[in-house]
Amino acid sequence: MRLVLGSRSPARLSTLRNAGVDPIVVVSNLDEDALLATLDPAATPEQIVGALALGKAMEVAEGLSTEIKRDKVDDRTRLVVLGCDSMLHINGRMVGKPHSPEVAKERIREMRGGDAVLWTGHAVVEVSEDGAVGSPQVASASTIVHFGDISDEEIDAYVASGEPLEVAGSFTIDGLGGPFIRGVTGDPHSVVGVSLPLLRDLVSRLGIFWPDFWTSK
């Protein structure tokens, strides 16, 4: 039994490893913008991140299934693919990674001194030893993030570090951005990118005993 993490996020990988799980990392190549364009404009934050997480999980699972069926996998085992996606809901809109310093600065100024909701979608799907892809399970977790009163100079320094450019909502809680967050209401792991309680619940729906993932068991 192995968990497959369909994400390049070092924070998600570290969170799982700290919980006793050492996943195989297979990065999803999902075209997120194309998938978002297919969603109902009235989709809720929960539905948006859930759809993205499901798309990533299925893209990775189908790729693994093809490799297994073509006998390109030597050590066959039962695999459970995890897809995740995080976005910040602030002032009535969903935002993801800023990608540019200008956007990051604008978003952090908008969030400082206030609260925002970080949504993280989770999807798990099993790939059997013979390459069969099972039925996925999808759920989302939300956590309220309470931001400190960050000065313009601190924002400039934080953005100059490069850290907030490729993370959801333009901030981290487990890195340089941690001192700028007054606290969270909800699961702090969800803010990092993977809610461990929710993941445990999802794999249990597949009939899987969570401790079976522990590498030190």
Protein backbone atom coordinates (compact mmCIF):
# COMPACT_ATOMS: atom_id res chain seq x y z
CA MET A 1 0.00 0.00 0.00
CA ARG A 2 1.52 3.33 -1.08
CA LEU A 3 0.16 6.83 -1.21
CA VAL A 4 0.92 8.78 -4.39
CA LEU A 5 1.10 12.55 -3.99
CA GLY A 6 0.05 14.27 -7.21
CA SER A 7 1.74 17.54 -6.27
CA ARG A 8 5.18 19.13 -6.36
CA SER A 9 4.47 21.02 -3.10
CA PRO A 10 7.33 20.52 -0.61
CA ALA A 11 5.00 21.65 2.19
CA ARG A 12 2.48 18.89 1.43
CA LEU A 13 5.27 16.33 1.17
CA SER A 14 6.78 17.43 4.49
CA THR A 15 3.37 17.36 6.20
CA LEU A 16 2.74 13.80 5.07
CA ARG A 17 6.22 12.64 6.05
CA ASN A 18 5.83 14.18 9.51
CA ALA A 19 2.63 12.14 9.82
CA GLY A 20 4.53 8.92 9.10
CA VAL A 21 3.66 8.67 5.40
CA ASP A 22 6.36 8.67 2.72
CA PRO A 23 4.46 9.08 -0.55
CA ILE A 24 5.56 8.50 -4.10
CA VAL A 25 5.53 11.90 -5.83
CA VAL A 26 4.03 12.01 -9.33
CA VAL A 27 3.34 15.61 -10.33
CA SER A 28 0.08 16.29 -12.14
CA ASN A 29 0.20 18.09 -15.50
CA LEU A 30 -3.45 19.14 -15.37
CA ASP A 31 -4.31 22.31 -17.29
CA GLU A 32 -6.00 24.11 -14.40
CA ASP A 33 -7.15 27.10 -16.44
CA ALA A 34 -8.83 24.84 -18.99
CA LEU A 35 -10.66 22.93 -16.27
CA LEU A 36 -11.75 26.13 -14.52
CA ALA A 37 -13.20 27.37 -17.80
CA THR A 38 -15.57 24.37 -17.84
CA LEU A 39 -17.03 25.02 -14.39
CA ASP A 40 -20.39 26.68 -13.74
CA PRO A 41 -19.83 30.39 -13.02
CA ALA A 42 -21.97 29.87 -9.91
CA ALA A 43 -19.72 27.10 -8.56
CA THR A 44 -19.00 27.40 -4.84
CA PRO A 45 -15.43 27.62 -3.44
CA GLU A 46 -15.82 24.04 -2.23
CA GLN A 47 -16.82 22.86 -5.70
CA ILE A 48 -13.99 24.76 -7.40
CA VAL A 49 -11.12 23.35 -5.34
CA GLY A 50 -12.79 19.94 -5.31
CA ALA A 51 -12.96 19.88 -9.10
CA LEU A 52 -9.31 20.88 -9.41
CA ALA A 53 -8.22 18.27 -6.88
CA LEU A 54 -10.23 15.58 -8.67
CA GLY A 55 -8.79 16.56 -12.04
CA LYS A 56 -5.25 16.26 -10.70
CA ALA A 57 -5.89 12.93 -8.98
CA MET A 58 -7.50 11.39 -12.05
CA GLU A 59 -4.78 12.68 -14.41
CA VAL A 60 -2.09 11.03 -12.28
CA ALA A 61 -4.12 7.86 -11.68
CA GLU A 62 -4.80 7.34 -15.38
CA GLY A 63 -1.12 7.85 -16.18
CA LEU A 64 -0.10 5.27 -13.59
CA SER A 65 -2.76 2.88 -14.87
CA THR A 66 -1.35 3.13 -18.39
CA GLU A 67 2.19 2.43 -17.16
CA ILE A 68 1.07 -0.58 -15.14
CA LYS A 69 -0.89 -2.05 -18.05
CA ARG A 70 2.12 -1.62 -20.32
CA ASP A 71 4.30 -3.48 -17.78
CA LYS A 72 6.42 -0.41 -17.15
CA VAL A 73 6.11 -0.76 -13.36
CA ASP A 74 8.36 -3.40 -11.82
CA ASP A 75 7.21 -3.31 -8.20
CA ARG A 76 3.44 -3.46 -8.42
CA THR A 77 1.48 -2.53 -5.34
CA ARG A 78 -1.86 -1.06 -4.37
CA LEU A 79 -1.69 2.70 -4.95
CA VAL A 80 -3.87 5.50 -3.63
CA VAL A 81 -3.46 8.77 -5.54
CA LEU A 82 -4.00 12.06 -3.72
CA GLY A 83 -4.84 15.23 -5.63
CA CYS A 84 -4.97 18.59 -3.84
CA ASP A 85 -5.69 22.18 -4.70
CA SER A 86 -5.82 25.30 -2.54
CA MET A 87 -7.32 28.73 -3.14
CA LEU A 88 -8.05 31.72 -0.92
CA HIS A 89 -11.55 33.13 -0.72
CA ILE A 90 -11.36 36.85 0.04
CA ASN A 91 -13.85 39.64 -0.48
CA GLY A 92 -16.17 37.43 -2.51
CA ARG A 93 -13.64 35.98 -4.95
CA MET A 94 -11.30 32.99 -5.20
CA VAL A 95 -7.58 33.61 -5.78
CA GLY A 96 -4.75 31.16 -6.33
CA LYS A 97 -1.03 31.66 -6.85
CA PRO A 98 -0.09 35.26 -7.67
CA HIS A 99 2.88 34.37 -9.93
CA SER A 100 4.09 37.99 -10.01
CA PRO A 101 5.44 40.34 -7.30
CA GLU A 102 2.90 43.02 -8.19
CA VAL A 103 -0.08 40.72 -7.70
CA ALA A 104 1.41 39.26 -4.51
CA LYS A 105 1.86 42.71 -2.97
CA GLU A 106 -1.67 43.76 -3.90
CA ARG A 107 -3.22 40.65 -2.36
CA ILE A 108 -1.22 40.81 0.87
CA ARG A 109 -2.17 44.46 1.34
CA GLU A 110 -5.80 43.47 0.83
CA MET A 111 -5.57 40.70 3.43
CA ARG A 112 -3.55 42.42 6.16
CA GLY A 113 -5.32 43.06 9.40
CA GLY A 114 -8.27 40.95 8.32
CA ASP A 115 -9.47 37.40 7.78
CA ALA A 116 -9.78 35.18 4.73
CA VAL A 117 -10.85 31.58 4.13
CA LEU A 118 -8.34 29.12 2.71
CA TRP A 119 -10.09 26.30 0.82
CA THR A 120 -8.25 23.07 0.08
CA GLY A 121 -9.78 20.40 -2.16
CA HIS A 122 -8.81 16.75 -1.71
CA ALA A 123 -9.44 13.82 -4.00
CA VAL A 124 -8.29 10.22 -3.61
CA VAL A 125 -8.57 7.39 -6.09
CA GLU A 126 -7.20 3.85 -5.97
CA VAL A 127 -5.12 2.21 -8.70
CA SER A 128 -4.98 -1.57 -8.25
CA GLU A 129 -2.04 -3.86 -8.93
CA ASP A 130 -3.46 -4.64 -12.39
CA GLY A 131 -3.96 -0.96 -13.26
CA ALA A 132 -7.69 -0.66 -12.66
CA VAL A 133 -8.75 2.83 -11.55
CA GLY A 134 -11.39 2.92 -8.84
CA SER A 135 -14.11 5.41 -7.99
CA PRO A 136 -12.73 8.63 -6.51
CA GLN A 137 -13.66 10.27 -3.24
CA VAL A 138 -13.68 14.08 -3.07
CA ALA A 139 -14.03 16.56 -0.22
CA SER A 140 -12.87 20.03 0.74
CA ALA A 141 -11.70 21.68 3.94
CA SER A 142 -11.87 25.34 4.87
CA THR A 143 -9.81 27.21 7.45
CA ILE A 144 -10.09 30.85 8.45
CA VAL A 145 -6.74 32.64 8.38
CA HIS A 146 -6.28 35.70 10.58
CA PHE A 147 -3.66 38.04 9.15
CA GLY A 148 -1.59 40.49 11.16
CA ASP A 149 -1.25 44.19 10.44
CA ILE A 150 1.69 43.90 8.02
CA SER A 151 3.55 47.06 7.08
CA ASP A 152 4.31 48.01 3.48
CA GLU A 153 8.02 47.52 4.18
CA GLU A 154 7.39 44.01 5.51
CA ILE A 155 5.27 43.18 2.49
CA ASP A 156 8.01 44.39 0.13
CA ALA A 157 10.62 42.31 1.96
CA TYR A 158 8.41 39.21 2.01
CA VAL A 159 7.58 39.42 -1.68
CA ALA A 160 11.26 40.06 -2.52
CA SER A 161 12.06 36.71 -0.87
CA GLY A 162 10.11 35.01 -3.66
CA GLU A 163 8.27 32.73 -1.26
CA PRO A 164 4.70 33.99 -1.80
CA LEU A 165 4.80 33.98 -5.60
CA GLU A 166 3.94 30.30 -6.16
CA VAL A 167 1.73 29.52 -3.18
CA ALA A 168 -2.05 29.79 -2.90
CA GLY A 169 -3.19 33.14 -1.57
CA SER A 170 0.32 34.67 -1.63
CA PHE A 171 1.31 33.47 1.84
CA THR A 172 2.66 30.53 3.83
CA ILE A 173 2.15 29.59 7.44
CA ASP A 174 5.08 27.19 7.65
CA GLY A 175 7.76 29.48 6.22
CA LEU A 176 8.72 33.15 6.10
CA GLY A 177 5.06 34.16 6.12
CA GLY A 178 4.34 32.54 9.49
CA PRO A 179 5.10 35.63 11.65
CA PHE A 180 2.54 37.64 9.69
CA ILE A 181 -0.36 35.33 10.59
CA ARG A 182 -2.04 35.87 13.95
CA GLY A 183 -3.71 32.48 13.94
CA VAL A 184 -6.11 30.14 12.19
CA THR A 185 -9.57 28.82 12.96
CA GLY A 186 -9.72 25.23 11.75
CA ASP A 187 -7.17 22.63 10.72
CA PRO A 188 -3.72 24.29 10.40
CA HIS A 189 -2.53 21.45 8.13
CA SER A 190 -5.15 22.50 5.62
CA VAL A 191 -3.44 25.88 5.33
CA VAL A 192 -0.20 24.10 4.48
CA GLY A 193 -2.07 22.31 1.71
CA VAL A 194 -3.28 18.94 2.96
CA SER A 195 -5.78 18.34 5.76
CA LEU A 196 -4.65 15.15 7.47
CA PRO A 197 -7.98 14.50 9.24
CA LEU A 198 -9.86 14.93 5.98
CA LEU A 199 -7.40 12.72 4.09
CA ARG A 200 -7.82 10.00 6.72
CA ASP A 201 -11.59 10.23 6.31
CA LEU A 202 -11.35 9.98 2.52
CA VAL A 203 -9.12 6.90 2.49
CA SER A 204 -11.38 5.26 5.08
CA ARG A 205 -14.22 5.64 2.56
CA LEU A 206 -12.10 3.45 0.25
CA GLY A 207 -11.93 0.84 3.01
CA ILE A 208 -8.30 1.63 3.86
CA PHE A 209 -6.86 1.56 7.37
CA TRP A 210 -4.86 4.82 7.75
CA PRO A 211 -1.96 3.25 9.75
CA ASP A 212 -1.26 0.99 6.74
CA PHE A 213 0.41 4.05 5.19
CA TRP A 214 2.86 4.47 8.06
CA THR A 215 6.38 3.72 6.89
CA SER A 216 7.65 2.99 10.40
CA LYS A 217 4.84 0.54 11.20
